[in-house]
C-alpha atoms as a PDB file:
ATOM      1  CA  MET A   1      -8.247  14.431   3.823  1.00  0.00           C
ATOM      2  CA  THR A   2      -5.487  12.121   4.784  1.00  0.00           C
ATOM      3  CA  LYS A   3      -4.294  11.002   8.112  1.00  0.00           C
ATOM      4  CA  THR A   4      -0.725   9.973   9.124  1.00  0.00           C
ATOM      5  CA  ARG A   5      -0.404   6.984  11.399  1.00  0.00           C
ATOM      6  CA  TYR A   6       2.776   5.333  12.680  1.00  0.00           C
ATOM      7  CA  PHE A   7       3.330   1.622  13.277  1.00  0.00           C
ATOM      8  CA  ALA A   8       6.272  -0.205  14.625  1.00  0.00           C
ATOM      9  CA  TRP A   9       7.537  -2.899  12.254  1.00  0.00           C
ATOM     10  CA  HIS A  10       6.548  -5.656  14.748  1.00  0.00           C
ATOM     11  CA  GLU A  11       2.978  -4.390  14.498  1.00  0.00           C
ATOM     12  CA  ILE A  12       2.739  -5.042  10.732  1.00  0.00           C
ATOM     13  CA  ALA A  13       1.720  -8.537   9.725  1.00  0.00           C
ATOM     14  CA  GLY A  14       2.109  -7.847   6.023  1.00  0.00           C
ATOM     15  CA  PHE A  15       1.016  -5.942   2.964  1.00  0.00           C
ATOM     16  CA  GLU A  16      -1.671  -6.726   0.438  1.00  0.00           C
ATOM     17  CA  LEU A  17      -3.088  -5.342  -2.736  1.00  0.00           C
ATOM     18  CA  ARG A  18      -6.786  -4.855  -2.285  1.00  0.00           C
ATOM     19  CA  PRO A  19      -9.404  -3.370  -4.624  1.00  0.00           C
ATOM     20  CA  ARG A  20     -11.104  -0.078  -3.740  1.00  0.00           C
ATOM     21  CA  LYS A  21     -13.165   2.551  -5.409  1.00  0.00           C
ATOM     22  CA  TRP A  22     -11.418   5.732  -6.518  1.00  0.00           C
ATOM     23  CA  ARG A  23     -13.138   8.441  -8.526  1.00  0.00           C
ATOM     24  CA  GLY A  24     -15.822   6.067  -9.592  1.00  0.00           C
ATOM     25  CA  ILE A  25     -13.522   3.323 -10.843  1.00  0.00           C
ATOM     26  CA  THR A  26     -12.145   0.221  -9.155  1.00  0.00           C
ATOM     27  CA  VAL A  27      -8.383   0.365  -8.566  1.00  0.00           C
ATOM     28  CA  SER A  28      -5.945  -1.644  -6.466  1.00  0.00           C
ATOM     29  CA  GLY A  29      -4.064  -0.179  -3.577  1.00  0.00           C
ATOM     30  CA  ILE A  30      -1.522  -1.262  -0.988  1.00  0.00           C
ATOM     31  CA  THR A  31      -3.062  -2.098   2.361  1.00  0.00           C
ATOM     32  CA  PHE A  32      -1.068  -2.626   5.544  1.00  0.00           C
ATOM     33  CA  VAL A  33      -2.393  -5.466   7.642  1.00  0.00           C
ATOM     34  CA  THR A  34      -1.487  -5.111  11.360  1.00  0.00           C
ATOM     35  CA  THR A  35      -0.955  -7.963  13.776  1.00  0.00           C
ATOM     36  CA  ALA A  36      -4.238  -6.852  15.449  1.00  0.00           C
ATOM     37  CA  GLY A  37      -6.047  -7.584  12.155  1.00  0.00           C
ATOM     38  CA  GLU A  38      -6.652  -3.965  11.166  1.00  0.00           C
ATOM     39  CA  ALA A  39      -6.465  -3.096   7.492  1.00  0.00           C
ATOM     40  CA  VAL A  40      -4.974   0.352   6.802  1.00  0.00           C
ATOM     41  CA  ASN A  41      -5.271   1.659   3.236  1.00  0.00           C
ATOM     42  CA  THR A  42      -2.493   3.755   1.766  1.00  0.00           C
ATOM     43  CA  GLU A  43      -2.395   6.309  -1.031  1.00  0.00           C
ATOM     44  CA  VAL A  44      -0.417   3.991  -3.300  1.00  0.00           C
ATOM     45  CA  LEU A  45      -2.871   3.060  -6.000  1.00  0.00           C
ATOM     46  CA  ILE A  46      -2.500   1.172  -9.281  1.00  0.00           C
ATOM     47  CA  GLY A  47      -4.611   2.945 -11.796  1.00  0.00           C
ATOM     48  CA  PRO A  48      -5.578   2.747 -15.446  1.00  0.00           C
ATOM     49  CA  ASN A  49      -2.878   3.541 -17.985  1.00  0.00           C
ATOM     50  CA  ASP A  50      -4.560   6.637 -19.326  1.00  0.00           C
ATOM     51  CA  PRO A  51      -3.221   9.933 -18.071  1.00  0.00           C
ATOM     52  CA  GLN A  52      -4.619  11.259 -14.826  1.00  0.00           C
ATOM     53  CA  PRO A  53      -3.388  14.832 -14.386  1.00  0.00           C
ATOM     54  CA  SER A  54      -2.893  15.947 -10.807  1.00  0.00           C
ATOM     55  CA  VAL A  55      -3.123  12.362  -9.481  1.00  0.00           C
ATOM     56  CA  GLY A  56      -0.205  10.037  -8.882  1.00  0.00           C
ATOM     57  CA  LEU A  57      -1.190   6.589  -9.822  1.00  0.00           C
ATOM     58  CA  TYR A  58       1.514   3.986  -9.911  1.00  0.00           C
ATOM     59  CA  SER A  59       2.193   1.282 -12.459  1.00  0.00           C
ATOM     60  CA  VAL A  60       1.963  -2.423 -11.530  1.00  0.00           C
ATOM     61  CA  GLU A  61       5.714  -2.674 -11.729  1.00  0.00           C
ATOM     62  CA  GLU A  62       6.278   0.247  -9.398  1.00  0.00           C
ATOM     63  CA  VAL A  63       3.914  -1.224  -6.813  1.00  0.00           C
ATOM     64  CA  ASP A  64       5.387  -4.691  -7.086  1.00  0.00           C
ATOM     65  CA  ASP A  65       8.847  -3.117  -6.410  1.00  0.00           C
ATOM     66  CA  LEU A  66       7.501  -1.103  -3.493  1.00  0.00           C
ATOM     67  CA  LEU A  67       5.793  -4.189  -1.981  1.00  0.00           C
ATOM     68  CA  ALA A  68       9.031  -6.227  -2.275  1.00  0.00           C
ATOM     69  CA  GLU A  69      10.987  -3.396  -0.635  1.00  0.00           C
ATOM     70  CA  LEU A  70       8.475  -3.179   2.219  1.00  0.00           C
ATOM     71  CA  GLU A  71       8.456  -6.886   2.854  1.00  0.00           C
ATOM     72  CA  ALA A  72      12.252  -6.937   2.818  1.00  0.00           C
ATOM     73  CA  GLN A  73      12.490  -4.071   5.269  1.00  0.00           C
ATOM     74  CA  ARG A  74       9.815  -5.663   7.525  1.00  0.00           C
ATOM     75  CA  ALA A  75      11.803  -8.917   7.513  1.00  0.00           C
ATOM     76  CA  VAL A  76      15.032  -7.123   8.516  1.00  0.00           C
ATOM     77  CA  GLU A  77      13.362  -4.990  11.236  1.00  0.00           C
ATOM     78  CA  THR A  78      11.386  -7.831  12.826  1.00  0.00           C
ATOM     79  CA  LYS A  79      14.533 -10.055  13.142  1.00  0.00           C
ATOM     80  CA  SER A  80      16.136  -7.375  15.309  1.00  0.00           C
END
């Protein structure tokens, strides 16, 4: 099950890559850190390079690009 939550940009302190267990292996995933100190995991996971049918694991490069985009957007939105 997944749950959708919404946060205003000013409520987000930043983004981190944190390890977590997924299907019995340790992977890294993007975590939102709120200004209240809450850590909110996302479904964006960096997985092993071997094929995982029916599961969308992202490459390190894709996650790096996404983190940079999120940080840039947060910077723009919190200046407003």
